[in-house]
Amino acid sequence: DYGMYLWHGAEPGLFRNLMIAFVVGTLTIINIYGVKKAVGAISIL
């Protein structure tokens, strides 16, 4: 919803659904590969 203000491809539809799958899939893969750096990033954020 916030991304729509920067990029029209984030509007509801098939492409948005594909991007949702990409974001969730990427976070899943990152966590499978290890989380030390991710934990540090979360604390900073």
All heavy atoms as atom14 arrays in JSON, in Angstrom:
{
  "sequence": "DYGMYLWHGAEPGLFRNLMIAFVVGTLTIINIYGVKKAVGAISIL",
  "atom14_mask": [
    [1, 1, 1, 1, 1, 1, 1, 1, 0, 0, 0, 0, 0, 0],
    [1, 1, 1, 1, 1, 1, 1, 1, 1, 1, 1, 1, 0, 0],
    [1, 1, 1, 1, 0, 0, 0, 0, 0, 0, 0, 0, 0, 0],
    [1, 1, 1, 1, 1, 1, 1, 1, 0, 0, 0, 0, 0, 0],
    [1, 1, 1, 1, 1, 1, 1, 1, 1, 1, 1, 1, 0, 0],
    [1, 1, 1, 1, 1, 1, 1, 1, 0, 0, 0, 0, 0, 0],
    [1, 1, 1, 1, 1, 1, 1, 1, 1, 1, 1, 1, 1, 1],
    [1, 1, 1, 1, 1, 1, 1, 1, 1, 1, 0, 0, 0, 0],
    [1, 1, 1, 1, 0, 0, 0, 0, 0, 0, 0, 0, 0, 0],
    [1, 1, 1, 1, 1, 0, 0, 0, 0, 0, 0, 0, 0, 0],
    [1, 1, 1, 1, 1, 1, 1, 1, 1, 0, 0, 0, 0, 0],
    [1, 1, 1, 1, 1, 1, 1, 0, 0, 0, 0, 0, 0, 0],
    [1, 1, 1, 1, 0, 0, 0, 0, 0, 0, 0, 0, 0, 0],
    [1, 1, 1, 1, 1, 1, 1, 1, 0, 0, 0, 0, 0, 0],
    [1, 1, 1, 1, 1, 1, 1, 1, 1, 1, 1, 0, 0, 0],
    [1, 1, 1, 1, 1, 1, 1, 1, 1, 1, 1, 0, 0, 0],
    [1, 1, 1, 1, 1, 1, 1, 1, 0, 0, 0, 0, 0, 0],
    [1, 1, 1, 1, 1, 1, 1, 1, 0, 0, 0, 0, 0, 0],
    [1, 1, 1, 1, 1, 1, 1, 1, 0, 0, 0, 0, 0, 0],
    [1, 1, 1, 1, 1, 1, 1, 1, 0, 0, 0, 0, 0, 0],
    [1, 1, 1, 1, 1, 0, 0, 0, 0, 0, 0, 0, 0, 0],
    [1, 1, 1, 1, 1, 1, 1, 1, 1, 1, 1, 0, 0, 0],
    [1, 1, 1, 1, 1, 1, 1, 0, 0, 0, 0, 0, 0, 0],
    [1, 1, 1, 1, 1, 1, 1, 0, 0, 0, 0, 0, 0, 0],
    [1, 1, 1, 1, 0, 0, 0, 0, 0, 0, 0, 0, 0, 0],
    [1, 1, 1, 1, 1, 1, 1, 0, 0, 0, 0, 0, 0, 0],
    [1, 1, 1, 1, 1, 1, 1, 1, 0, 0, 0, 0, 0, 0],
    [1, 1, 1, 1, 1, 1, 1, 0, 0, 0, 0, 0, 0, 0],
    [1, 1, 1, 1, 1, 1, 1, 1, 0, 0, 0, 0, 0, 0],
    [1, 1, 1, 1, 1, 1, 1, 1, 0, 0, 0, 0, 0, 0],
    [1, 1, 1, 1, 1, 1, 1, 1, 0, 0, 0, 0, 0, 0],
    [1, 1, 1, 1, 1, 1, 1, 1, 0, 0, 0, 0, 0, 0],
    [1, 1, 1, 1, 1, 1, 1, 1, 1, 1, 1, 1, 0, 0],
    [1, 1, 1, 1, 0, 0, 0, 0, 0, 0, 0, 0, 0, 0],
    [1, 1, 1, 1, 1, 1, 1, 0, 0, 0, 0, 0, 0, 0],
    [1, 1, 1, 1, 1, 1, 1, 1, 1, 0, 0, 0, 0, 0],
    [1, 1, 1, 1, 1, 1, 1, 1, 1, 0, 0, 0, 0, 0],
    [1, 1, 1, 1, 1, 0, 0, 0, 0, 0, 0, 0, 0, 0],
    [1, 1, 1, 1, 1, 1, 1, 0, 0, 0, 0, 0, 0, 0],
    [1, 1, 1, 1, 0, 0, 0, 0, 0, 0, 0, 0, 0, 0],
    [1, 1, 1, 1, 1, 0, 0, 0, 0, 0, 0, 0, 0, 0],
    [1, 1, 1, 1, 1, 1, 1, 1, 0, 0, 0, 0, 0, 0],
    [1, 1, 1, 1, 1, 1, 0, 0, 0, 0, 0, 0, 0, 0],
    [1, 1, 1, 1, 1, 1, 1, 1, 0, 0, 0, 0, 0, 0],
    [1, 1, 1, 1, 1, 1, 1, 1, 0, 0, 0, 0, 0, 0]
  ],
  "atom14_positions": [
    [[0.84, -1.2, 0.0], [0.0, 0.0, 0.0], [0.87, 1.25, 0.0], [0.58, 2.24, -0.68], [-0.92, 0.01, 1.23], [-2.06, -1.0, 1.11], [-2.34, -1.44, -0.03], [-2.67, -1.34, 2.14], [0.0, 0.0, 0.0], [0.0, 0.0, 0.0], [0.0, 0.0, 0.0], [0.0, 0.0, 0.0], [0.0, 0.0, 0.0], [0.0, 0.0, 0.0]],
    [[1.96, 1.22, 0.78], [2.9, 2.34, 0.78], [3.73, 2.35, -0.51], [4.05, 3.41, -1.05], [3.81, 2.27, 2.0], [3.25, 3.0, 3.2], [2.4, 2.35, 4.09], [3.55, 4.33, 3.45], [1.86, 3.01, 5.18], [3.03, 5.0, 4.54], [2.17, 4.33, 5.4], [1.63, 5.0, 6.47], [0.0, 0.0, 0.0], [0.0, 0.0, 0.0]],
    [[4.07, 1.16, -1.0], [4.86, 1.07, -2.22], [4.15, 1.65, -3.43], [4.81, 2.1, -4.38], [0.0, 0.0, 0.0], [0.0, 0.0, 0.0], [0.0, 0.0, 0.0], [0.0, 0.0, 0.0], [0.0, 0.0, 0.0], [0.0, 0.0, 0.0], [0.0, 0.0, 0.0], [0.0, 0.0, 0.0], [0.0, 0.0, 0.0], [0.0, 0.0, 0.0]],
    [[2.81, 1.67, -3.41], [2.04, 2.21, -4.54], [2.37, 3.68, -4.81], [2.21, 4.16, -5.93], [0.54, 2.06, -4.29], [0.0, 0.66, -4.44], [-1.82, 0.58, -4.42], [-2.2, 1.22, -2.79], [0.0, 0.0, 0.0], [0.0, 0.0, 0.0], [0.0, 0.0, 0.0], [0.0, 0.0, 0.0], [0.0, 0.0, 0.0], [0.0, 0.0, 0.0]],
    [[2.81, 4.39, -3.76], [3.12, 5.81, -3.93], [4.41, 6.03, -4.72], [4.65, 7.11, -5.25], [3.24, 6.5, -2.56], [1.91, 6.77, -1.91], [1.19, 5.74, -1.29], [1.34, 8.03, -1.94], [-0.04, 5.98, -0.69], [0.1, 8.28, -1.35], [-0.58, 7.25, -0.74], [-1.8, 7.49, -0.16], [0.0, 0.0, 0.0], [0.0, 0.0, 0.0]],
    [[5.23, 4.99, -4.78], [6.48, 5.08, -5.53], [6.45, 4.31, -6.84], [7.2, 4.61, -7.76], [7.64, 4.54, -4.66], [7.97, 5.29, -3.37], [9.1, 4.6, -2.64], [8.35, 6.75, -3.67], [0.0, 0.0, 0.0], [0.0, 0.0, 0.0], [0.0, 0.0, 0.0], [0.0, 0.0, 0.0], [0.0, 0.0, 0.0], [0.0, 0.0, 0.0]],
    [[5.55, 3.3, -6.91], [5.58, 2.4, -8.05], [4.18, 1.85, -8.3], [3.59, 1.22, -7.45], [6.57, 1.26, -7.73], [6.69, 0.2, -8.77], [6.86, 0.37, -10.11], [6.66, -1.21, -8.55], [6.94, -0.84, -10.73], [6.81, -1.83, -9.8], [6.52, -2.0, -7.41], [6.83, -3.22, -9.94], [6.54, -3.37, -7.54], [6.71, -3.97, -8.8]],
    [[3.64, 2.11, -9.5], [2.28, 1.69, -9.83], [2.13, 0.16, -9.88], [1.02, -0.35, -9.76], [1.84, 2.3, -11.17], [1.66, 3.78, -11.11], [0.76, 4.38, -10.25], [2.27, 4.8, -11.78], [0.81, 5.7, -10.4], [1.72, 5.98, -11.31], [0.0, 0.0, 0.0], [0.0, 0.0, 0.0], [0.0, 0.0, 0.0], [0.0, 0.0, 0.0]],
    [[3.22, -0.54, -10.05], [3.16, -2.0, -10.09], [2.75, -2.62, -8.76], [2.42, -3.8, -8.69], [0.0, 0.0, 0.0], [0.0, 0.0, 0.0], [0.0, 0.0, 0.0], [0.0, 0.0, 0.0], [0.0, 0.0, 0.0], [0.0, 0.0, 0.0], [0.0, 0.0, 0.0], [0.0, 0.0, 0.0], [0.0, 0.0, 0.0], [0.0, 0.0, 0.0]],
    [[2.76, -1.78, -7.68], [2.38, -2.29, -6.37], [0.87, -2.27, -6.15], [0.39, -2.71, -5.11], [3.07, -1.47, -5.26], [0.0, 0.0, 0.0], [0.0, 0.0, 0.0], [0.0, 0.0, 0.0], [0.0, 0.0, 0.0], [0.0, 0.0, 0.0], [0.0, 0.0, 0.0], [0.0, 0.0, 0.0], [0.0, 0.0, 0.0], [0.0, 0.0, 0.0]],
    [[0.11, -1.76, -7.13], [-1.34, -1.73, -6.99], [-1.91, -3.16, -7.02], [-1.3, -4.07, -7.59], [-1.95, -0.89, -8.12], [-1.56, 0.58, -8.04], [-2.05, 1.39, -9.22], [-2.59, 0.76, -10.18], [-1.91, 2.61, -9.21], [0.0, 0.0, 0.0], [0.0, 0.0, 0.0], [0.0, 0.0, 0.0], [0.0, 0.0, 0.0], [0.0, 0.0, 0.0]],
    [[-3.09, -3.38, -6.41], [-3.68, -4.72, -6.35], [-3.8, -5.35, -7.74], [-4.19, -4.68, -8.7], [-5.05, -4.48, -5.72], [-4.88, -3.24, -4.9], [-3.91, -2.39, -5.66], [0.0, 0.0, 0.0], [0.0, 0.0, 0.0], [0.0, 0.0, 0.0], [0.0, 0.0, 0.0], [0.0, 0.0, 0.0], [0.0, 0.0, 0.0], [0.0, 0.0, 0.0]],
    [[-3.47, -6.61, -7.83], [-3.53, -7.33, -9.09], [-2.55, -8.49, -9.11], [-1.88, -8.78, -8.11], [0.0, 0.0, 0.0], [0.0, 0.0, 0.0], [0.0, 0.0, 0.0], [0.0, 0.0, 0.0], [0.0, 0.0, 0.0], [0.0, 0.0, 0.0], [0.0, 0.0, 0.0], [0.0, 0.0, 0.0], [0.0, 0.0, 0.0], [0.0, 0.0, 0.0]],
    [[-2.45, -9.12, -10.26], [-1.61, -10.31, -10.38], [-0.15, -9.99, -10.09], [0.53, -10.74, -9.38], [-1.75, -10.9, -11.79], [-0.85, -12.1, -12.11], [-1.14, -13.26, -11.17], [-1.02, -12.52, -13.57], [0.0, 0.0, 0.0], [0.0, 0.0, 0.0], [0.0, 0.0, 0.0], [0.0, 0.0, 0.0], [0.0, 0.0, 0.0], [0.0, 0.0, 0.0]],
    [[0.35, -8.87, -10.64], [1.77, -8.56, -10.46], [2.09, -8.29, -8.99], [3.13, -8.7, -8.49], [2.18, -7.36, -11.32], [3.66, -7.18, -11.41], [4.43, -8.06, -12.16], [4.31, -6.17, -10.72], [5.81, -7.91, -12.24], [5.67, -6.01, -10.79], [6.42, -6.9, -11.56], [0.0, 0.0, 0.0], [0.0, 0.0, 0.0], [0.0, 0.0, 0.0]],
    [[1.16, -7.61, -8.31], [1.36, -7.38, -6.86], [1.41, -8.71, -6.13], [2.25, -8.89, -5.24], [0.23, -6.51, -6.32], [0.22, -6.41, -4.78], [-0.72, -5.33, -4.34], [-1.01, -5.38, -2.91], [-1.35, -4.32, -2.19], [-1.44, -3.13, -2.75], [-1.64, -4.42, -0.92], [0.0, 0.0, 0.0], [0.0, 0.0, 0.0], [0.0, 0.0, 0.0]],
    [[0.55, -9.64, -6.47], [0.56, -10.96, -5.83], [1.88, -11.68, -6.06], [2.41, -12.34, -5.16], [-0.61, -11.8, -6.33], [-1.95, -11.3, -5.82], [-2.02, -10.53, -4.87], [-3.02, -11.73, -6.47], [0.0, 0.0, 0.0], [0.0, 0.0, 0.0], [0.0, 0.0, 0.0], [0.0, 0.0, 0.0], [0.0, 0.0, 0.0], [0.0, 0.0, 0.0]],
    [[2.41, -11.54, -7.27], [3.7, -12.16, -7.57], [4.81, -11.52, -6.74], [5.71, -12.21, -6.24], [4.02, -12.04, -9.05], [3.14, -12.87, -9.99], [3.45, -12.53, -11.45], [3.34, -14.37, -9.74], [0.0, 0.0, 0.0], [0.0, 0.0, 0.0], [0.0, 0.0, 0.0], [0.0, 0.0, 0.0], [0.0, 0.0, 0.0], [0.0, 0.0, 0.0]],
    [[4.74, -10.2, -6.56], [5.73, -9.5, -5.77], [5.6, -9.86, -4.28], [6.61, -9.95, -3.56], [5.61, -7.99, -5.96], [6.03, -7.51, -7.35], [7.72, -8.03, -7.77], [8.66, -7.18, -6.5], [0.0, 0.0, 0.0], [0.0, 0.0, 0.0], [0.0, 0.0, 0.0], [0.0, 0.0, 0.0], [0.0, 0.0, 0.0], [0.0, 0.0, 0.0]],
    [[4.37, -10.05, -3.81], [4.17, -10.51, -2.43], [4.85, -11.85, -2.23], [5.58, -12.08, -1.24], [2.67, -10.6, -2.09], [2.08, -9.2, -1.9], [2.44, -11.44, -0.83], [0.57, -9.18, -1.72], [0.0, 0.0, 0.0], [0.0, 0.0, 0.0], [0.0, 0.0, 0.0], [0.0, 0.0, 0.0], [0.0, 0.0, 0.0], [0.0, 0.0, 0.0]],
    [[4.64, -12.76, -3.19], [5.27, -14.08, -3.12], [6.79, -13.96, -3.14], [7.5, -14.68, -2.43], [4.8, -14.95, -4.28], [0.0, 0.0, 0.0], [0.0, 0.0, 0.0], [0.0, 0.0, 0.0], [0.0, 0.0, 0.0], [0.0, 0.0, 0.0], [0.0, 0.0, 0.0], [0.0, 0.0, 0.0], [0.0, 0.0, 0.0], [0.0, 0.0, 0.0]],
    [[7.3, -13.01, -3.93], [8.75, -12.8, -4.02], [9.31, -12.3, -2.69], [10.33, -12.8, -2.2], [9.07, -11.79, -5.13], [10.52, -11.4, -5.19], [11.45, -12.26, -5.75], [10.95, -10.19, -4.67], [12.8, -11.92, -5.8], [12.3, -9.84, -4.72], [13.22, -10.71, -5.28], [0.0, 0.0, 0.0], [0.0, 0.0, 0.0], [0.0, 0.0, 0.0]],
    [[8.64, -11.31, -2.06], [9.11, -10.75, -0.79], [9.09, -11.81, 0.31], [10.08, -12.0, 1.03], [8.25, -9.53, -0.38], [8.57, -9.12, 1.06], [8.49, -8.36, -1.32], [0.0, 0.0, 0.0], [0.0, 0.0, 0.0], [0.0, 0.0, 0.0], [0.0, 0.0, 0.0], [0.0, 0.0, 0.0], [0.0, 0.0, 0.0], [0.0, 0.0, 0.0]],
    [[7.96, -12.52, 0.42], [7.85, -13.55, 1.46], [8.85, -14.67, 1.2], [9.51, -15.16, 2.13], [6.41, -14.1, 1.52], [6.31, -15.25, 2.53], [5.43, -13.01, 1.88], [0.0, 0.0, 0.0], [0.0, 0.0, 0.0], [0.0, 0.0, 0.0], [0.0, 0.0, 0.0], [0.0, 0.0, 0.0], [0.0, 0.0, 0.0], [0.0, 0.0, 0.0]],
    [[8.98, -15.06, -0.07], [9.93, -16.11, -0.42], [11.36, -15.72, -0.12], [12.15, -16.53, 0.39], [0.0, 0.0, 0.0], [0.0, 0.0, 0.0], [0.0, 0.0, 0.0], [0.0, 0.0, 0.0], [0.0, 0.0, 0.0], [0.0, 0.0, 0.0], [0.0, 0.0, 0.0], [0.0, 0.0, 0.0], [0.0, 0.0, 0.0], [0.0, 0.0, 0.0]],
    [[11.7, -14.46, -0.39], [13.06, -13.98, -0.12], [13.37, -13.99, 1.37], [14.44, -14.44, 1.8], [13.25, -12.55, -0.68], [13.02, -12.56, -2.09], [14.64, -12.03, -0.39], [0.0, 0.0, 0.0], [0.0, 0.0, 0.0], [0.0, 0.0, 0.0], [0.0, 0.0, 0.0], [0.0, 0.0, 0.0], [0.0, 0.0, 0.0], [0.0, 0.0, 0.0]],
    [[12.41, -13.5, 2.19], [12.61, -13.51, 3.64], [12.74, -14.94, 4.16], [13.54, -15.21, 5.07], [11.43, -12.81, 4.33], [11.37, -11.29, 4.18], [10.04, -10.76, 4.71], [12.52, -10.63, 4.92], [0.0, 0.0, 0.0], [0.0, 0.0, 0.0], [0.0, 0.0, 0.0], [0.0, 0.0, 0.0], [0.0, 0.0, 0.0], [0.0, 0.0, 0.0]],
    [[11.97, -15.85, 3.58], [12.04, -17.26, 3.99], [13.41, -17.83, 3.67], [14.04, -18.49, 4.52], [10.95, -18.07, 3.28], [9.66, -17.55, 3.63], [11.02, -19.54, 3.68], [0.0, 0.0, 0.0], [0.0, 0.0, 0.0], [0.0, 0.0, 0.0], [0.0, 0.0, 0.0], [0.0, 0.0, 0.0], [0.0, 0.0, 0.0], [0.0, 0.0, 0.0]],
    [[13.9, -17.58, 2.46], [15.21, -18.1, 2.05], [16.33, -17.52, 2.91], [17.25, -18.23, 3.33], [15.45, -17.8, 0.55], [14.49, -18.64, -0.3], [16.9, -18.1, 0.17], [14.47, -18.23, -1.76], [0.0, 0.0, 0.0], [0.0, 0.0, 0.0], [0.0, 0.0, 0.0], [0.0, 0.0, 0.0], [0.0, 0.0, 0.0], [0.0, 0.0, 0.0]],
    [[16.26, -16.21, 3.17], [17.28, -15.57, 4.01], [17.34, -16.24, 5.37], [18.42, -16.51, 5.92], [16.98, -14.06, 4.18], [17.26, -13.32, 2.86], [17.81, -13.46, 5.31], [16.81, -11.88, 2.86], [0.0, 0.0, 0.0], [0.0, 0.0, 0.0], [0.0, 0.0, 0.0], [0.0, 0.0, 0.0], [0.0, 0.0, 0.0], [0.0, 0.0, 0.0]],
    [[16.17, -16.54, 5.94], [16.13, -17.18, 7.25], [16.59, -18.62, 7.22], [17.13, -19.12, 8.2], [14.72, -17.08, 7.84], [14.47, -15.77, 8.55], [14.66, -15.65, 9.74], [14.06, -14.76, 7.78], [0.0, 0.0, 0.0], [0.0, 0.0, 0.0], [0.0, 0.0, 0.0], [0.0, 0.0, 0.0], [0.0, 0.0, 0.0], [0.0, 0.0, 0.0]],
    [[16.4, -19.29, 6.1], [16.91, -20.66, 5.97], [18.44, -20.64, 5.9], [19.11, -21.49, 6.5], [16.32, -21.35, 4.72], [14.83, -21.67, 4.95], [17.08, -22.65, 4.41], [14.13, -22.23, 3.73], [0.0, 0.0, 0.0], [0.0, 0.0, 0.0], [0.0, 0.0, 0.0], [0.0, 0.0, 0.0], [0.0, 0.0, 0.0], [0.0, 0.0, 0.0]],
    [[18.99, -19.64, 5.23], [20.43, -19.55, 5.08], [21.15, -19.06, 6.33], [22.36, -19.17, 6.45], [20.78, -18.62, 3.9], [20.78, -19.32, 2.57], [19.58, -19.62, 1.94], [21.96, -19.68, 1.94], [19.56, -20.28, 0.71], [21.96, -20.33, 0.71], [20.76, -20.63, 0.11], [20.74, -21.29, -1.1], [0.0, 0.0, 0.0], [0.0, 0.0, 0.0]],
    [[20.42, -18.48, 7.27], [21.06, -18.0, 8.5], [20.49, -16.67, 8.92], [20.01, -15.91, 8.09], [0.0, 0.0, 0.0], [0.0, 0.0, 0.0], [0.0, 0.0, 0.0], [0.0, 0.0, 0.0], [0.0, 0.0, 0.0], [0.0, 0.0, 0.0], [0.0, 0.0, 0.0], [0.0, 0.0, 0.0], [0.0, 0.0, 0.0], [0.0, 0.0, 0.0]],
    [[20.57, -16.34, 10.23], [19.85, -15.17, 10.72], [20.7, -14.19, 11.54], [20.17, -13.21, 12.04], [18.66, -15.62, 11.61], [17.66, -16.39, 10.78], [19.13, -16.45, 12.79], [0.0, 0.0, 0.0], [0.0, 0.0, 0.0], [0.0, 0.0, 0.0], [0.0, 0.0, 0.0], [0.0, 0.0, 0.0], [0.0, 0.0, 0.0], [0.0, 0.0, 0.0]],
    [[22.0, -14.43, 11.65], [22.8, -13.53, 12.5], [22.72, -12.08, 12.05], [22.47, -11.16, 12.84], [24.26, -14.0, 12.52], [24.49, -15.2, 13.43], [25.97, -15.48, 13.57], [26.22, -16.63, 14.56], [27.66, -16.91, 14.72], [0.0, 0.0, 0.0], [0.0, 0.0, 0.0], [0.0, 0.0, 0.0], [0.0, 0.0, 0.0], [0.0, 0.0, 0.0]],
    [[22.94, -11.86, 10.74], [22.9, -10.49, 10.23], [21.48, -9.94, 10.26], [21.25, -8.75, 10.49], [23.46, -10.45, 8.81], [24.96, -10.71, 8.75], [25.5, -10.6, 7.34], [27.01, -10.84, 7.31], [27.55, -10.77, 5.92], [0.0, 0.0, 0.0], [0.0, 0.0, 0.0], [0.0, 0.0, 0.0], [0.0, 0.0, 0.0], [0.0, 0.0, 0.0]],
    [[20.5, -10.82, 10.02], [19.1, -10.39, 10.03], [18.7, -9.87, 11.41], [18.01, -8.86, 11.53], [18.19, -11.54, 9.61], [0.0, 0.0, 0.0], [0.0, 0.0, 0.0], [0.0, 0.0, 0.0], [0.0, 0.0, 0.0], [0.0, 0.0, 0.0], [0.0, 0.0, 0.0], [0.0, 0.0, 0.0], [0.0, 0.0, 0.0], [0.0, 0.0, 0.0]],
    [[19.14, -10.56, 12.45], [18.81, -10.13, 13.81], [19.4, -8.76, 14.1], [18.75, -7.89, 14.69], [19.33, -11.17, 14.84], [19.2, -10.62, 16.25], [18.54, -12.46, 14.71], [0.0, 0.0, 0.0], [0.0, 0.0, 0.0], [0.0, 0.0, 0.0], [0.0, 0.0, 0.0], [0.0, 0.0, 0.0], [0.0, 0.0, 0.0], [0.0, 0.0, 0.0]],
    [[20.63, -8.53, 13.68], [21.26, -7.22, 13.86], [20.51, -6.13, 13.13], [20.31, -5.03, 13.65], [0.0, 0.0, 0.0], [0.0, 0.0, 0.0], [0.0, 0.0, 0.0], [0.0, 0.0, 0.0], [0.0, 0.0, 0.0], [0.0, 0.0, 0.0], [0.0, 0.0, 0.0], [0.0, 0.0, 0.0], [0.0, 0.0, 0.0], [0.0, 0.0, 0.0]],
    [[20.06, -6.44, 11.9], [19.32, -5.46, 11.11], [17.98, -5.12, 11.76], [17.55, -3.96, 11.78], [19.09, -6.0, 9.7], [0.0, 0.0, 0.0], [0.0, 0.0, 0.0], [0.0, 0.0, 0.0], [0.0, 0.0, 0.0], [0.0, 0.0, 0.0], [0.0, 0.0, 0.0], [0.0, 0.0, 0.0], [0.0, 0.0, 0.0], [0.0, 0.0, 0.0]],
    [[17.32, -6.12, 12.32], [16.04, -5.89, 12.99], [16.22, -4.94, 14.17], [15.42, -4.03, 14.38], [15.43, -7.24, 13.46], [15.0, -8.07, 12.25], [14.24, -7.0, 14.39], [14.66, -9.5, 12.6], [0.0, 0.0, 0.0], [0.0, 0.0, 0.0], [0.0, 0.0, 0.0], [0.0, 0.0, 0.0], [0.0, 0.0, 0.0], [0.0, 0.0, 0.0]],
    [[17.28, -5.14, 14.94], [17.54, -4.26, 16.09], [17.75, -2.82, 15.65], [17.23, -1.88, 16.26], [18.77, -4.77, 16.86], [18.55, -6.06, 17.36], [0.0, 0.0, 0.0], [0.0, 0.0, 0.0], [0.0, 0.0, 0.0], [0.0, 0.0, 0.0], [0.0, 0.0, 0.0], [0.0, 0.0, 0.0], [0.0, 0.0, 0.0], [0.0, 0.0, 0.0]],
    [[18.51, -2.64, 14.58], [18.76, -1.29, 14.07], [17.46, -0.65, 13.57], [17.16, 0.5, 13.87], [19.81, -1.33, 12.93], [21.18, -1.75, 13.5], [19.91, 0.03, 12.25], [22.21, -2.05, 12.44], [0.0, 0.0, 0.0], [0.0, 0.0, 0.0], [0.0, 0.0, 0.0], [0.0, 0.0, 0.0], [0.0, 0.0, 0.0], [0.0, 0.0, 0.0]],
    [[16.66, -1.42, 12.81], [15.42, -0.9, 12.25], [14.43, -0.53, 13.36], [13.64, 0.41, 13.19], [14.78, -1.94, 11.32], [15.49, -2.13, 9.97], [14.97, -3.38, 9.26], [15.3, -0.91, 9.09], [0.0, 0.0, 0.0], [0.0, 0.0, 0.0], [0.0, 0.0, 0.0], [0.0, 0.0, 0.0], [0.0, 0.0, 0.0], [0.0, 0.0, 0.0]]
  ]
}
